[in-house]
């Protein structure tokens, strides 16, 4: 049959029957058929054209396969035939490394043929576009002209995957792949954002233990040691603790206990360093005692907490910090005032409690009223 006649028949059937909803199509024994029931008159023609397109595809005649699938898609007999045609063309475009064209075809399915029964296959194709680009495959403009490899382009493709089916099986897979790639490309802010999204939006994901581990390692890397702010350190410890509690059978749980212990000791030691500074360098036993107790509160079982107890005992016993060489030469650092000593005392009858001259009250005269 002449191809032009084929398309005229398809268009005529479309006008006659409208955009008919069909049962799912499956391919068995080299032929397409309706999965359940018998095909309608228009479906018989469509199935024949689908057989022709698939046969060309299997023999490697991709150009002819694309032309036939495009005729089926343009006819829009129903969502099943159109959706299947667009998916097959997208797969061929991926093979040709025409990734942008493939992505546009999947977007067309989502916008116009959402009732396609195998929409999950369209989502999988979109995911595969991202995976192919992440692997370093370079795009070919027009299907033949080689272009530059752009692994970071996978982020946008995987984001489209999540938007197509946020509750589908490929959404959390797309997010964890994005996080892994971001870490490989040393894009820590992106990895952090994606992992937080995975943990908060997909609590039942099989990738949750890995996401928690990656987040914990990211947070701990933000802490440069006990002498710095420990908010990130404590957050990392919480992520490791979540792995221990929620996934005790996971291999990561075996190292989580040691990680929590190490991180909480680092956070407690930060308070201990401040306590030692106040005691030995600022002659302030009250502040030193306060920070030493804070150290014990953060991680009571840590080595830092034991050192804090020793420091508190030293403060209670000595009352004064040990003298250093600088203290012997310059004198000890002046001890800060206590709260009761904060307000300056009045000096003489002419000075008020705030230290200003006390002039007393003056009568108001008529000129001042004006």
Protein backbone atom coordinates (compact mmCIF):
# COMPACT_ATOMS: atom_id res chain seq x y z
CA UNK A 1 0.00 0.00 0.00
CA UNK A 2 1.27 3.49 -0.84
CA UNK A 3 2.48 5.39 2.31
CA UNK A 4 0.41 8.43 1.35
CA UNK A 5 -2.66 6.24 1.07
CA UNK A 6 -1.88 4.78 4.51
CA UNK A 7 -1.82 8.15 6.18
CA UNK A 8 -5.00 9.24 4.41
CA UNK A 9 -6.74 6.13 5.73
CA UNK A 10 -5.48 6.85 9.26
CA UNK A 11 -6.59 10.46 9.13
CA UNK A 12 -9.98 9.47 7.74
CA UNK A 13 -10.50 6.98 10.55
CA UNK A 14 -9.47 9.62 13.09
CA UNK A 15 -12.05 12.06 11.74
CA UNK A 16 -14.68 9.33 11.68
CA UNK A 17 -14.14 7.89 15.15
CA UNK A 18 -12.44 10.75 17.02
CA UNK A 19 -9.49 10.19 19.34
CA UNK A 20 -10.57 6.71 20.44
CA UNK A 21 -9.23 5.28 23.65
CA UNK A 22 -7.80 1.81 23.04
CA UNK A 23 -6.67 -1.07 25.17
CA UNK A 24 -2.98 -1.56 25.73
CA UNK A 25 -0.94 -2.81 22.77
CA UNK A 26 1.66 -5.54 23.22
CA UNK A 27 4.18 -7.04 20.81
CA UNK A 28 4.37 -10.85 20.67
CA UNK A 29 5.76 -13.15 18.02
CA UNK A 30 6.85 -10.26 15.83
CA UNK A 31 3.40 -8.65 15.77
CA UNK A 32 1.51 -5.98 17.67
CA UNK A 33 -1.87 -6.89 19.08
CA UNK A 34 -4.46 -5.63 21.53
CA UNK A 35 -3.63 -7.02 24.97
CA UNK A 36 -7.24 -7.79 25.85
CA UNK A 37 -10.18 -8.22 23.49
CA UNK A 38 -10.41 -7.73 19.74
CA UNK A 39 -9.16 -4.67 17.83
CA UNK A 40 -11.59 -2.25 16.22
CA UNK A 41 -11.49 -1.52 12.50
CA UNK A 42 -9.24 1.50 12.93
CA UNK A 43 -6.96 -0.41 15.29
CA UNK A 44 -6.39 -3.14 12.71
CA UNK A 45 -4.85 -0.57 10.36
CA UNK A 46 -2.82 0.97 13.18
CA UNK A 47 -1.48 -2.41 14.31
CA UNK A 48 -0.42 -3.22 10.76
CA UNK A 49 1.51 0.04 10.50
CA UNK A 50 3.09 -0.58 13.90
CA UNK A 51 4.26 -4.02 12.65
CA UNK A 52 5.80 -2.32 9.63
CA UNK A 53 7.60 0.26 11.79
CA UNK A 54 8.92 -2.32 14.25
CA UNK A 55 10.12 -4.60 11.44
CA UNK A 56 12.13 -1.75 9.92
CA UNK A 57 13.51 -0.90 13.35
CA UNK A 58 14.61 -4.48 14.00
CA UNK A 59 16.39 -4.75 10.64
CA UNK A 60 18.30 -1.54 11.31
CA UNK A 61 16.46 0.66 8.82
CA UNK A 62 15.97 3.41 11.40
CA UNK A 63 15.13 6.08 8.86
CA UNK A 64 12.17 4.10 7.51
CA UNK A 65 11.14 3.14 11.04
CA UNK A 66 11.05 6.80 12.12
CA UNK A 67 8.99 7.78 9.06
CA UNK A 68 6.42 5.07 9.75
CA UNK A 69 6.22 5.82 13.48
CA UNK A 70 5.83 9.53 12.67
CA UNK A 71 2.88 8.78 10.37
CA UNK A 72 1.26 6.80 13.16
CA UNK A 73 1.92 9.57 15.70
CA UNK A 74 0.64 12.34 13.42
CA UNK A 75 -2.59 10.44 12.73
CA UNK A 76 -3.36 10.40 16.49
CA UNK A 77 -5.88 7.57 16.22
CA UNK A 78 -5.69 7.08 19.99
CA UNK A 79 -3.34 7.64 22.90
CA UNK A 80 -2.02 4.08 22.74
CA UNK A 81 -0.79 4.22 19.16
CA UNK A 82 0.45 7.79 19.42
CA UNK A 83 2.17 7.23 22.75
CA UNK A 84 3.83 4.03 21.52
CA UNK A 85 4.99 5.75 18.32
CA UNK A 86 6.52 8.68 20.20
CA UNK A 87 8.29 6.37 22.66
CA UNK A 88 9.81 4.34 19.82
CA UNK A 89 10.97 7.46 17.98
CA UNK A 90 12.51 8.77 21.22
CA UNK A 91 14.46 5.51 21.64
CA UNK A 92 15.80 5.86 18.11
CA UNK A 93 16.78 9.48 18.79
CA UNK A 94 18.72 8.36 21.88
CA UNK A 95 20.51 5.80 19.72
CA UNK A 96 21.35 8.61 17.29
CA UNK A 97 22.46 10.80 20.25
CA UNK A 98 19.81 13.40 19.48
CA UNK A 99 19.00 13.82 23.14
CA UNK A 100 17.12 17.12 22.91
CA UNK A 101 14.81 15.71 20.25
CA UNK A 102 14.14 12.62 22.38
CA UNK A 103 13.31 14.75 25.40
CA UNK A 104 10.88 16.88 23.37
CA UNK A 105 9.04 13.73 22.25
CA UNK A 106 8.57 12.61 25.85
CA UNK A 107 7.29 16.08 26.75
CA UNK A 108 4.77 15.76 23.89
CA UNK A 109 3.47 12.51 25.37
CA UNK A 110 3.12 14.11 28.80
CA UNK A 111 1.27 17.17 27.51
CA UNK A 112 -1.10 15.53 25.03
CA UNK A 113 -1.26 11.80 25.75
CA UNK A 114 -1.19 11.39 29.50
CA UNK A 115 -3.69 8.53 29.25
CA UNK A 116 -1.12 6.38 27.44
CA UNK A 117 -1.24 3.12 29.41
CA UNK A 118 2.55 2.65 29.31
CA UNK A 119 3.38 6.16 30.41
CA UNK A 120 5.89 4.56 32.76
CA UNK A 121 7.91 3.56 29.71
CA UNK A 122 7.99 7.18 28.58
CA UNK A 123 9.28 8.18 32.02
CA UNK A 124 11.94 5.46 31.79
CA UNK A 125 13.06 6.83 28.41
CA UNK A 126 13.39 10.29 29.94
CA UNK A 127 15.46 8.81 32.76
CA UNK A 128 17.67 7.01 30.23
CA UNK A 129 18.36 10.28 28.44
CA UNK A 130 19.81 11.60 31.70
CA UNK A 131 21.80 8.42 32.34
CA UNK A 132 23.27 8.50 28.83
CA UNK A 133 24.35 12.12 29.20
CA UNK A 134 25.74 11.48 32.68
CA UNK A 135 27.89 8.70 31.22
CA UNK A 136 29.60 11.32 29.04
CA UNK A 137 27.92 10.57 25.70
CA UNK A 138 28.16 13.63 23.49
CA UNK A 139 25.18 14.90 21.53
CA UNK A 140 25.15 14.83 17.73
CA UNK A 141 23.50 17.80 16.13
CA UNK A 142 21.15 16.69 13.39
CA UNK A 143 22.06 13.12 14.17
CA UNK A 144 25.52 13.29 12.59
CA UNK A 145 27.55 16.35 13.67
CA UNK A 146 29.48 15.52 16.89
CA UNK A 147 29.18 18.05 19.70
CA UNK A 148 30.78 18.49 23.11
CA UNK A 149 30.13 16.12 26.00
CA UNK A 150 28.17 17.74 28.84
CA UNK A 151 27.67 15.47 31.82
CA UNK A 152 26.01 18.27 33.82
CA UNK A 153 23.16 18.29 31.27
CA UNK A 154 21.95 15.10 32.96
CA UNK A 155 20.68 17.15 35.92
CA UNK A 156 17.99 18.81 33.79
CA UNK A 157 16.96 15.49 32.21
CA UNK A 158 16.61 13.79 35.59
CA UNK A 159 14.66 16.77 36.92
CA UNK A 160 12.22 16.27 34.03
CA UNK A 161 11.95 12.61 35.09
CA UNK A 162 10.90 13.63 38.60
CA UNK A 163 8.36 16.15 37.29
CA UNK A 164 6.84 13.63 34.87
CA UNK A 165 6.10 11.12 37.64
CA UNK A 166 6.99 12.42 41.12
CA UNK A 167 5.45 9.32 42.70
CA UNK A 168 6.80 6.91 40.12
CA UNK A 169 9.59 4.36 40.49
CA UNK A 170 12.17 6.50 38.70
CA UNK A 171 11.82 9.71 40.74
CA UNK A 172 14.00 8.76 43.70
CA UNK A 173 16.40 6.95 41.36
CA UNK A 174 16.81 10.17 39.37
CA UNK A 175 17.51 12.13 42.55
CA UNK A 176 20.15 9.76 43.92
CA UNK A 177 21.84 9.63 40.50
CA UNK A 178 21.85 13.44 40.46
CA UNK A 179 23.45 13.52 43.90
CA UNK A 180 26.16 11.03 42.92
CA UNK A 181 26.96 12.95 39.75
CA UNK A 182 27.04 16.26 41.63
CA UNK A 183 29.60 14.83 44.05
CA UNK A 184 31.72 13.50 41.17
CA UNK A 185 31.59 16.96 39.56
CA UNK A 186 32.38 18.53 42.97
CA UNK A 187 29.13 20.47 43.00
CA UNK A 188 28.46 20.13 46.73
CA UNK A 189 25.62 22.70 46.94
CA UNK A 190 23.64 20.82 44.29
CA UNK A 191 24.34 17.47 45.96
CA UNK A 192 23.21 18.89 49.29
CA UNK A 193 19.95 20.23 47.84
CA UNK A 194 19.12 17.01 45.99
CA UNK A 195 19.88 14.79 48.98
CA UNK A 196 17.77 16.91 51.33
CA UNK A 197 14.94 16.64 48.83
CA UNK A 198 15.29 12.88 48.60
CA UNK A 199 15.31 12.44 52.38
CA UNK A 200 12.30 14.72 52.95
CA UNK A 201 10.12 13.76 49.95
CA UNK A 202 10.88 10.02 49.66
CA UNK A 203 11.15 8.57 53.19
CA UNK A 204 10.32 5.07 51.88
CA UNK A 205 12.99 5.11 49.17
CA UNK A 206 15.44 2.22 49.01
CA UNK A 207 18.13 4.85 48.50
CA UNK A 208 17.44 6.54 51.85
CA UNK A 209 20.39 4.94 53.73
CA UNK A 210 22.80 6.07 51.02
CA UNK A 211 21.26 9.55 50.97
CA UNK A 212 21.63 9.86 54.74
CA UNK A 213 25.25 8.69 54.59
CA UNK A 214 26.12 11.15 51.82
CA UNK A 215 24.41 13.97 53.72
CA UNK A 216 26.27 13.04 56.90
CA UNK A 217 29.62 13.07 55.11
CA UNK A 218 28.80 16.39 53.46
CA UNK A 219 27.90 17.94 56.82
CA UNK A 220 30.96 16.59 58.60
CA UNK A 221 33.19 17.93 55.83
CA UNK A 222 31.78 21.41 56.48
CA UNK A 223 33.17 21.31 60.02
CA UNK A 224 36.87 22.16 60.01
CA UNK A 225 37.55 20.95 63.53
CA UNK A 226 36.66 21.50 67.17
CA UNK A 227 37.82 25.12 67.03
CA UNK A 228 35.04 26.00 64.57
CA UNK A 229 31.23 26.12 64.63
CA UNK A 230 29.76 22.68 65.24
CA UNK A 231 26.18 23.00 63.91
CA UNK A 232 27.05 20.97 60.79
CA UNK A 233 28.91 18.43 62.93
CA UNK A 234 25.87 17.79 65.12
CA UNK A 235 23.61 17.53 62.07
CA UNK A 236 25.96 14.92 60.59
CA UNK A 237 25.74 12.94 63.82
CA UNK A 238 21.93 13.02 63.59
CA UNK A 239 22.02 11.58 60.07
CA UNK A 240 24.29 8.74 61.21
CA UNK A 241 21.99 8.13 64.18
CA UNK A 242 18.99 7.92 61.80
CA UNK A 243 20.80 5.19 59.85
CA UNK A 244 21.42 3.25 63.08
CA UNK A 245 17.81 3.48 64.21
CA UNK A 246 15.95 3.08 60.90
CA UNK A 247 18.25 0.67 59.05
CA UNK A 248 20.00 -1.50 61.63
CA UNK A 249 20.54 -4.28 59.09
CA UNK A 250 22.22 -1.99 56.57
CA UNK A 251 26.00 -2.25 56.26
CA UNK A 252 26.27 1.50 56.95
CA UNK A 253 24.87 0.98 60.44
CA UNK A 254 28.09 -0.84 61.42
CA UNK A 255 30.16 2.31 61.04
CA UNK A 256 27.41 4.70 62.15
CA UNK A 257 28.04 4.17 65.89
CA UNK A 258 31.70 5.14 65.59
CA UNK A 259 30.82 8.12 63.42
CA UNK A 260 28.27 9.39 65.95
CA UNK A 261 30.76 8.97 68.79
CA UNK A 262 33.51 10.81 66.91
CA UNK A 263 31.27 13.67 65.75
CA UNK A 264 29.67 14.25 69.15
CA UNK A 265 33.11 14.23 70.78
CA UNK A 266 34.20 16.89 68.28
CA UNK A 267 31.15 19.02 69.09
CA UNK A 268 31.71 18.61 72.85
CA UNK A 269 35.41 19.38 72.52
CA UNK A 270 34.49 22.68 70.91
CA UNK A 271 32.87 23.76 74.20
CA UNK A 272 35.83 22.37 76.13
CA UNK A 273 38.26 24.54 74.15
CA UNK A 274 36.20 27.61 75.00
CA UNK A 275 36.13 26.61 78.67
CA UNK A 276 39.91 26.19 78.71
CA UNK A 277 40.33 29.57 77.02
CA UNK A 278 38.19 31.35 79.63
CA UNK A 279 40.02 29.63 82.49
CA UNK A 280 43.63 29.84 81.35
CA UNK A 281 43.64 32.98 79.20
CA UNK A 282 40.82 35.20 80.48
CA UNK A 283 40.80 34.57 84.23
CA UNK A 284 37.05 33.88 84.11
CA UNK A 285 36.20 30.77 86.16
CA UNK A 286 32.42 31.35 85.90
CA UNK A 287 32.40 31.30 82.09
CA UNK A 288 34.85 28.40 82.07
CA UNK A 289 32.64 26.35 84.38
CA UNK A 290 29.57 27.14 82.25
CA UNK A 291 31.20 25.96 79.00
CA UNK A 292 32.69 22.87 80.66
CA UNK A 293 29.21 21.86 81.79
CA UNK A 294 27.91 22.51 78.26
CA UNK A 295 30.60 20.12 77.00
CA UNK A 296 29.34 17.40 79.36
CA UNK A 297 25.75 18.01 78.21
CA UNK A 298 26.51 17.64 74.49
CA UNK A 299 28.24 14.26 74.84
CA UNK A 300 28.29 12.91 78.43
CA UNK A 301 30.18 9.74 77.49
CA UNK A 302 32.82 11.38 75.31
CA UNK A 303 36.50 11.82 76.07
CA UNK A 304 35.96 15.57 75.92
CA UNK A 305 33.37 15.32 78.72
CA UNK A 306 35.88 13.48 80.92
CA UNK A 307 38.41 16.24 80.34
CA UNK A 308 35.72 18.80 81.19
CA UNK A 309 35.13 17.09 84.54
CA UNK A 310 38.84 17.37 85.30
CA UNK A 311 38.76 21.06 84.40
CA UNK A 312 35.74 21.71 86.66
CA UNK A 313 37.52 19.98 89.54
CA UNK A 314 40.59 22.17 88.92
CA UNK A 315 38.46 25.33 88.94
CA UNK A 316 36.76 24.31 92.20
CA UNK A 317 40.06 23.44 93.84
CA UNK A 318 42.24 26.39 92.77
CA UNK A 319 39.77 29.21 92.37
CA UNK A 320 42.46 31.02 90.38
CA UNK A 321 43.96 29.84 87.08
CA UNK A 322 47.62 28.78 87.13
CA UNK A 323 50.00 31.66 86.52
CA UNK A 324 51.79 31.80 83.18
CA UNK A 325 55.05 33.57 82.32
CA UNK A 326 53.02 36.43 80.81
CA UNK A 327 51.08 36.74 84.07
CA UNK A 328 54.32 36.95 86.04
CA UNK A 329 55.61 39.76 83.82
CA UNK A 330 52.45 41.74 83.04
CA UNK A 331 50.13 40.67 85.80
CA UNK A 332 47.04 38.42 85.48
CA UNK A 333 44.30 39.23 83.04
CA UNK A 334 41.70 41.40 84.85
CA UNK A 335 38.78 39.35 86.06
CA UNK A 336 35.41 40.54 84.64
CA UNK A 337 32.92 42.20 86.95
CA UNK A 338 30.11 40.20 88.41
CA UNK A 339 26.54 41.12 87.58
CA UNK A 340 26.09 43.09 90.80
CA UNK A 341 29.13 45.20 89.95
CA UNK A 342 27.96 46.15 86.49
CA UNK A 343 26.41 49.55 87.36
CA UNK A 344 28.83 52.37 88.17
CA UNK A 345 28.57 53.69 91.72
CA UNK A 346 27.76 57.40 92.26
CA UNK A 347 30.80 59.55 92.95
CA UNK A 348 30.04 62.44 95.26
CA UNK A 349 26.80 64.38 95.64
CA UNK A 350 27.15 66.13 92.27
CA UNK A 351 27.20 62.81 90.23
CA UNK A 352 24.06 60.73 89.71
CA UNK A 353 23.84 56.92 89.48
CA UNK A 354 24.55 56.95 85.72
CA UNK A 355 27.68 59.08 86.10
CA UNK A 356 26.16 62.38 84.90
CA UNK A 357 26.32 65.69 86.76
CA UNK A 358 23.36 66.08 89.09
CA UNK A 359 22.04 69.63 88.67
CA UNK A 360 18.75 69.07 90.45
CA UNK A 361 15.29 70.17 89.33
CA UNK A 362 14.73 73.72 88.00
CA UNK A 363 11.45 75.62 88.04
CA UNK A 364 9.94 76.24 84.63
CA UNK A 365 9.57 79.96 83.80
CA UNK A 366 7.08 81.53 81.43
CA UNK A 367 9.62 82.15 78.66
CA UNK A 368 10.49 78.42 78.49
CA UNK A 369 6.81 77.50 78.19
CA UNK A 370 6.64 79.59 75.04
